[in-house]
């Protein structure tokens, strides 16, 4: 699992594109978009063990 910056100088460009994708959406539409993105990214990764590890890690880092 890569937790260090892997986008380098493109990180801001990705963040801006992500925010642009959410522009003008309601909260419900934005949440639905995030859910679709998670499923699309999960399909791209395509490895259940890796995905479960990523979910566990994400759950640990948000429980503050």
PDB file of N, CA and C in Angstrom:
ATOM      1  N   UNK A   1       0.851  -1.161   0.000  1.00  0.00           N
ATOM      2  CA  UNK A   1       0.000   0.000   0.000  1.00  0.00           C
ATOM      3  C   UNK A   1       0.900   1.227   0.000  1.00  0.00           C
ATOM      4  N   UNK A   2       0.585   2.153  -0.870  1.00  0.00           N
ATOM      5  CA  UNK A   2       1.366   3.386  -0.997  1.00  0.00           C
ATOM      6  C   UNK A   2       0.644   4.492  -0.238  1.00  0.00           C
ATOM      7  N   UNK A   3       1.246   4.965   0.851  1.00  0.00           N
ATOM      8  CA  UNK A   3       0.650   6.058   1.610  1.00  0.00           C
ATOM      9  C   UNK A   3       1.411   7.365   1.416  1.00  0.00           C
ATOM     10  N   UNK A   4       2.589   7.283   0.813  1.00  0.00           N
ATOM     11  CA  UNK A   4       3.338   8.492   0.495  1.00  0.00           C
ATOM     12  C   UNK A   4       2.762   9.117  -0.767  1.00  0.00           C
ATOM     13  N   UNK A   5       3.067  10.386  -0.973  1.00  0.00           N
ATOM     14  CA  UNK A   5       2.613  11.097  -2.167  1.00  0.00           C
ATOM     15  C   UNK A   5       3.090  10.354  -3.409  1.00  0.00           C
ATOM     16  N   UNK A   6       2.143   9.888  -4.208  1.00  0.00           N
ATOM     17  CA  UNK A   6       2.485   9.152  -5.425  1.00  0.00           C
ATOM     18  C   UNK A   6       2.092   9.939  -6.674  1.00  0.00           C
ATOM     19  N   UNK A   7       1.466  11.091  -6.508  1.00  0.00           N
ATOM     20  CA  UNK A   7       1.061  11.906  -7.651  1.00  0.00           C
ATOM     21  C   UNK A   7       2.065  13.002  -7.958  1.00  0.00           C
ATOM     22  N   UNK A   8       2.909  13.311  -6.973  1.00  0.00           N
ATOM     23  CA  UNK A   8       3.931  14.326  -7.183  1.00  0.00           C
ATOM     24  C   UNK A   8       3.323  15.654  -7.590  1.00  0.00           C
ATOM     25  N   UNK A   9       3.902  16.276  -8.604  1.00  0.00           N
ATOM     26  CA  UNK A   9       3.423  17.597  -9.011  1.00  0.00           C
ATOM     27  C   UNK A   9       2.013  17.580  -9.605  1.00  0.00           C
ATOM     28  N   UNK A  10       1.486  16.391  -9.904  1.00  0.00           N
ATOM     29  CA  UNK A  10       0.136  16.293 -10.459  1.00  0.00           C
ATOM     30  C   UNK A  10      -0.946  16.237  -9.383  1.00  0.00           C
ATOM     31  N   UNK A  11      -0.557  16.203  -8.109  1.00  0.00           N
ATOM     32  CA  UNK A  11      -1.532  16.081  -7.026  1.00  0.00           C
ATOM     33  C   UNK A  11      -2.533  17.231  -7.038  1.00  0.00           C
ATOM     34  N   UNK A  12      -2.044  18.450  -7.188  1.00  0.00           N
ATOM     35  CA  UNK A  12      -2.956  19.599  -7.214  1.00  0.00           C
ATOM     36  C   UNK A  12      -3.877  19.554  -8.425  1.00  0.00           C
ATOM     37  N   UNK A  13      -3.360  19.101  -9.539  1.00  0.00           N
ATOM     38  CA  UNK A  13      -4.190  19.002 -10.740  1.00  0.00           C
ATOM     39  C   UNK A  13      -5.305  17.985 -10.539  1.00  0.00           C
ATOM     40  N   UNK A  14      -4.976  16.852  -9.908  1.00  0.00           N
ATOM     41  CA  UNK A  14      -6.005  15.856  -9.630  1.00  0.00           C
ATOM     42  C   UNK A  14      -7.036  16.411  -8.665  1.00  0.00           C
ATOM     43  N   UNK A  15      -6.581  17.055  -7.595  1.00  0.00           N
ATOM     44  CA  UNK A  15      -7.507  17.622  -6.615  1.00  0.00           C
ATOM     45  C   UNK A  15      -8.429  18.639  -7.284  1.00  0.00           C
ATOM     46  N   UNK A  16      -7.869  19.498  -8.121  1.00  0.00           N
ATOM     47  CA  UNK A  16      -8.690  20.491  -8.826  1.00  0.00           C
ATOM     48  C   UNK A  16      -9.711  19.825  -9.743  1.00  0.00           C
ATOM     49  N   UNK A  17      -9.304  18.787 -10.445  1.00  0.00           N
ATOM     50  CA  UNK A  17     -10.234  18.065 -11.325  1.00  0.00           C
ATOM     51  C   UNK A  17     -11.343  17.411 -10.501  1.00  0.00           C
ATOM     52  N   UNK A  18     -10.985  16.867  -9.348  1.00  0.00           N
ATOM     53  CA  UNK A  18     -11.977  16.255  -8.471  1.00  0.00           C
ATOM     54  C   UNK A  18     -12.976  17.300  -7.979  1.00  0.00           C
ATOM     55  N   UNK A  19     -12.477  18.446  -7.554  1.00  0.00           N
ATOM     56  CA  UNK A  19     -13.359  19.518  -7.083  1.00  0.00           C
ATOM     57  C   UNK A  19     -14.239  20.053  -8.217  1.00  0.00           C
ATOM     58  N   UNK A  20     -13.669  20.161  -9.416  1.00  0.00           N
ATOM     59  CA  UNK A  20     -14.453  20.605 -10.578  1.00  0.00           C
ATOM     60  C   UNK A  20     -15.584  19.626 -10.880  1.00  0.00           C
ATOM     61  N   UNK A  21     -15.316  18.324 -10.683  1.00  0.00           N
ATOM     62  CA  UNK A  21     -16.332  17.308 -10.926  1.00  0.00           C
ATOM     63  C   UNK A  21     -17.497  17.458  -9.949  1.00  0.00           C
ATOM     64  N   UNK A  22     -17.201  17.930  -8.742  1.00  0.00           N
ATOM     65  CA  UNK A  22     -18.224  18.117  -7.711  1.00  0.00           C
ATOM     66  C   UNK A  22     -18.928  19.473  -7.806  1.00  0.00           C
ATOM     67  N   UNK A  23     -18.391  20.376  -8.600  1.00  0.00           N
ATOM     68  CA  UNK A  23     -18.942  21.733  -8.668  1.00  0.00           C
ATOM     69  C   UNK A  23     -20.412  21.704  -9.098  1.00  0.00           C
ATOM     70  N   UNK A  24     -21.228  22.422  -8.355  1.00  0.00           N
ATOM     71  CA  UNK A  24     -22.630  22.553  -8.700  1.00  0.00           C
ATOM     72  C   UNK A  24     -23.519  21.410  -8.251  1.00  0.00           C
ATOM     73  N   UNK A  25     -22.943  20.403  -7.607  1.00  0.00           N
ATOM     74  CA  UNK A  25     -23.738  19.262  -7.155  1.00  0.00           C
ATOM     75  C   UNK A  25     -24.318  19.538  -5.776  1.00  0.00           C
ATOM     76  N   UNK A  26     -25.460  18.959  -5.512  1.00  0.00           N
ATOM     77  CA  UNK A  26     -26.007  18.984  -4.162  1.00  0.00           C
ATOM     78  C   UNK A  26     -25.172  18.048  -3.296  1.00  0.00           C
ATOM     79  N   UNK A  27     -25.376  18.106  -1.978  1.00  0.00           N
ATOM     80  CA  UNK A  27     -24.656  17.182  -1.096  1.00  0.00           C
ATOM     81  C   UNK A  27     -24.961  15.736  -1.468  1.00  0.00           C
ATOM     82  N   UNK A  28     -26.223  15.447  -1.732  1.00  0.00           N
ATOM     83  CA  UNK A  28     -26.606  14.072  -2.088  1.00  0.00           C
ATOM     84  C   UNK A  28     -25.935  13.635  -3.392  1.00  0.00           C
ATOM     85  N   UNK A  29     -25.903  14.517  -4.380  1.00  0.00           N
ATOM     86  CA  UNK A  29     -25.249  14.186  -5.653  1.00  0.00           C
ATOM     87  C   UNK A  29     -23.747  14.000  -5.463  1.00  0.00           C
ATOM     88  N   UNK A  30     -23.154  14.825  -4.616  1.00  0.00           N
ATOM     89  CA  UNK A  30     -21.725  14.719  -4.340  1.00  0.00           C
ATOM     90  C   UNK A  30     -21.397  13.403  -3.648  1.00  0.00           C
ATOM     91  N   UNK A  31     -22.236  12.997  -2.681  1.00  0.00           N
ATOM     92  CA  UNK A  31     -22.025  11.707  -2.016  1.00  0.00           C
ATOM     93  C   UNK A  31     -22.186  10.552  -2.996  1.00  0.00           C
ATOM     94  N   UNK A  32     -23.155  10.650  -3.880  1.00  0.00           N
ATOM     95  CA  UNK A  32     -23.366   9.600  -4.889  1.00  0.00           C
ATOM     96  C   UNK A  32     -22.175   9.525  -5.840  1.00  0.00           C
ATOM     97  N   UNK A  33     -21.652  10.680  -6.221  1.00  0.00           N
ATOM     98  CA  UNK A  33     -20.466  10.706  -7.082  1.00  0.00           C
ATOM     99  C   UNK A  33     -19.289  10.036  -6.377  1.00  0.00           C
ATOM    100  N   UNK A  34     -19.077  10.354  -5.092  1.00  0.00           N
ATOM    101  CA  UNK A  34     -17.989   9.720  -4.347  1.00  0.00           C
ATOM    102  C   UNK A  34     -18.163   8.217  -4.284  1.00  0.00           C
ATOM    103  N   UNK A  35     -19.391   7.757  -4.087  1.00  0.00           N
ATOM    104  CA  UNK A  35     -19.644   6.316  -4.050  1.00  0.00           C
ATOM    105  C   UNK A  35     -19.306   5.674  -5.396  1.00  0.00           C
ATOM    106  N   UNK A  36     -19.703   6.320  -6.481  1.00  0.00           N
ATOM    107  CA  UNK A  36     -19.370   5.785  -7.816  1.00  0.00           C
ATOM    108  C   UNK A  36     -17.854   5.754  -8.029  1.00  0.00           C
ATOM    109  N   UNK A  37     -17.166   6.810  -7.589  1.00  0.00           N
ATOM    110  CA  UNK A  37     -15.713   6.843  -7.729  1.00  0.00           C
ATOM    111  C   UNK A  37     -15.053   5.715  -6.954  1.00  0.00           C
ATOM    112  N   UNK A  38     -15.515   5.461  -5.737  1.00  0.00           N
ATOM    113  CA  UNK A  38     -14.952   4.373  -4.939  1.00  0.00           C
ATOM    114  C   UNK A  38     -15.117   3.048  -5.670  1.00  0.00           C
ATOM    115  N   UNK A  39     -16.300   2.803  -6.222  1.00  0.00           N
ATOM    116  CA  UNK A  39     -16.534   1.547  -6.933  1.00  0.00           C
ATOM    117  C   UNK A  39     -15.711   1.449  -8.212  1.00  0.00           C
ATOM    118  N   UNK A  40     -15.577   2.548  -8.926  1.00  0.00           N
ATOM    119  CA  UNK A  40     -14.758   2.548 -10.150  1.00  0.00           C
ATOM    120  C   UNK A  40     -13.291   2.304  -9.810  1.00  0.00           C
ATOM    121  N   UNK A  41     -12.790   2.993  -8.770  1.00  0.00           N
ATOM    122  CA  UNK A  41     -11.389   2.796  -8.367  1.00  0.00           C
ATOM    123  C   UNK A  41     -11.175   1.369  -7.859  1.00  0.00           C
ATOM    124  N   UNK A  42     -12.141   0.836  -7.112  1.00  0.00           N
ATOM    125  CA  UNK A  42     -12.029  -0.540  -6.616  1.00  0.00           C
ATOM    126  C   UNK A  42     -11.970  -1.523  -7.775  1.00  0.00           C
ATOM    127  N   UNK A  43     -12.792  -1.300  -8.772  1.00  0.00           N
ATOM    128  CA  UNK A  43     -12.771  -2.168  -9.943  1.00  0.00           C
ATOM    129  C   UNK A  43     -11.431  -2.069 -10.663  1.00  0.00           C
ATOM    130  N   UNK A  44     -10.877  -0.881 -10.712  1.00  0.00           N
ATOM    131  CA  UNK A  44      -9.573  -0.672 -11.357  1.00  0.00           C
ATOM    132  C   UNK A  44      -8.478  -1.434 -10.600  1.00  0.00           C
ATOM    133  N   UNK A  45      -8.537  -1.414  -9.262  1.00  0.00           N
ATOM    134  CA  UNK A  45      -7.558  -2.141  -8.453  1.00  0.00           C
ATOM    135  C   UNK A  45      -7.775  -3.639  -8.613  1.00  0.00           C
ATOM    136  N   UNK A  46      -9.013  -4.083  -8.467  1.00  0.00           N
ATOM    137  CA  UNK A  46      -9.392  -5.456  -8.793  1.00  0.00           C
ATOM    138  C   UNK A  46      -8.825  -6.558  -7.919  1.00  0.00           C
ATOM    139  N   UNK A  47      -8.381  -6.253  -6.706  1.00  0.00           N
ATOM    140  CA  UNK A  47      -7.815  -7.267  -5.833  1.00  0.00           C
ATOM    141  C   UNK A  47      -8.465  -7.126  -4.467  1.00  0.00           C
ATOM    142  N   UNK A  48      -9.299  -8.093  -4.079  1.00  0.00           N
ATOM    143  CA  UNK A  48     -10.083  -7.990  -2.859  1.00  0.00           C
ATOM    144  C   UNK A  48      -9.215  -7.852  -1.616  1.00  0.00           C
ATOM    145  N   UNK A  49      -8.144  -8.622  -1.517  1.00  0.00           N
ATOM    146  CA  UNK A  49      -7.265  -8.518  -0.348  1.00  0.00           C
ATOM    147  C   UNK A  49      -6.691  -7.112  -0.218  1.00  0.00           C
ATOM    148  N   UNK A  50      -6.243  -6.564  -1.315  1.00  0.00           N
ATOM    149  CA  UNK A  50      -5.685  -5.207  -1.313  1.00  0.00           C
ATOM    150  C   UNK A  50      -6.756  -4.191  -0.942  1.00  0.00           C
ATOM    151  N   UNK A  51      -7.951  -4.337  -1.503  1.00  0.00           N
ATOM    152  CA  UNK A  51      -9.044  -3.418  -1.207  1.00  0.00           C
ATOM    153  C   UNK A  51      -9.437  -3.473   0.265  1.00  0.00           C
ATOM    154  N   UNK A  52      -9.508  -4.682   0.835  1.00  0.00           N
ATOM    155  CA  UNK A  52      -9.844  -4.804   2.256  1.00  0.00           C
ATOM    156  C   UNK A  52      -8.776  -4.149   3.122  1.00  0.00           C
ATOM    157  N   UNK A  53      -7.524  -4.285   2.747  1.00  0.00           N
ATOM    158  CA  UNK A  53      -6.424  -3.648   3.466  1.00  0.00           C
ATOM    159  C   UNK A  53      -6.548  -2.122   3.383  1.00  0.00           C
ATOM    160  N   UNK A  54      -6.866  -1.613   2.217  1.00  0.00           N
ATOM    161  CA  UNK A  54      -7.045  -0.172   2.041  1.00  0.00           C
ATOM    162  C   UNK A  54      -8.225   0.340   2.864  1.00  0.00           C
ATOM    163  N   UNK A  55      -9.325  -0.406   2.880  1.00  0.00           N
ATOM    164  CA  UNK A  55     -10.490  -0.018   3.681  1.00  0.00           C
ATOM    165  C   UNK A  55     -10.145   0.019   5.163  1.00  0.00           C
ATOM    166  N   UNK A  56      -9.435  -0.988   5.641  1.00  0.00           N
ATOM    167  CA  UNK A  56      -9.054  -1.036   7.042  1.00  0.00           C
ATOM    168  C   UNK A  56      -8.151   0.143   7.396  1.00  0.00           C
ATOM    169  N   UNK A  57      -7.209   0.450   6.542  1.00  0.00           N
ATOM    170  CA  UNK A  57      -6.311   1.564   6.778  1.00  0.00           C
ATOM    171  C   UNK A  57      -7.066   2.890   6.773  1.00  0.00           C
ATOM    172  N   UNK A  58      -7.959   3.057   5.819  1.00  0.00           N
ATOM    173  CA  UNK A  58      -8.738   4.284   5.753  1.00  0.00           C
ATOM    174  C   UNK A  58      -9.618   4.432   6.991  1.00  0.00           C
ATOM    175  N   UNK A  59     -10.177   3.342   7.467  1.00  0.00           N
ATOM    176  CA  UNK A  59     -11.001   3.385   8.660  1.00  0.00           C
ATOM    177  C   UNK A  59     -10.207   3.767   9.890  1.00  0.00           C
ATOM    178  N   UNK A  60      -8.978   3.336   9.986  1.00  0.00           N
ATOM    179  CA  UNK A  60      -8.127   3.673  11.119  1.00  0.00           C
ATOM    180  C   UNK A  60      -7.734   5.139  11.108  1.00  0.00           C
ATOM    181  N   UNK A  61      -7.500   5.702   9.940  1.00  0.00           N
ATOM    182  CA  UNK A  61      -7.020   7.087   9.871  1.00  0.00           C
ATOM    183  C   UNK A  61      -8.128   8.085  10.027  1.00  0.00           C
ATOM    184  N   UNK A  62      -9.407   7.652   9.950  1.00  0.00           N
ATOM    185  CA  UNK A  62     -10.510   8.604  10.102  1.00  0.00           C
ATOM    186  C   UNK A  62     -11.166   8.533  11.463  1.00  0.00           C
ATOM    187  N   UNK A  63     -10.688   7.664  12.337  1.00  0.00           N
ATOM    188  CA  UNK A  63     -11.328   7.518  13.640  1.00  0.00           C
ATOM    189  C   UNK A  63     -10.660   8.398  14.691  1.00  0.00           C
ATOM    190  N   UNK A  64     -10.647   9.723  14.440  1.00  0.00           N
ATOM    191  CA  UNK A  64     -10.013  10.617  15.418  1.00  0.00           C
ATOM    192  C   UNK A  64     -11.047  11.335  16.239  1.00  0.00           C
TER     193      UNK A  64
END
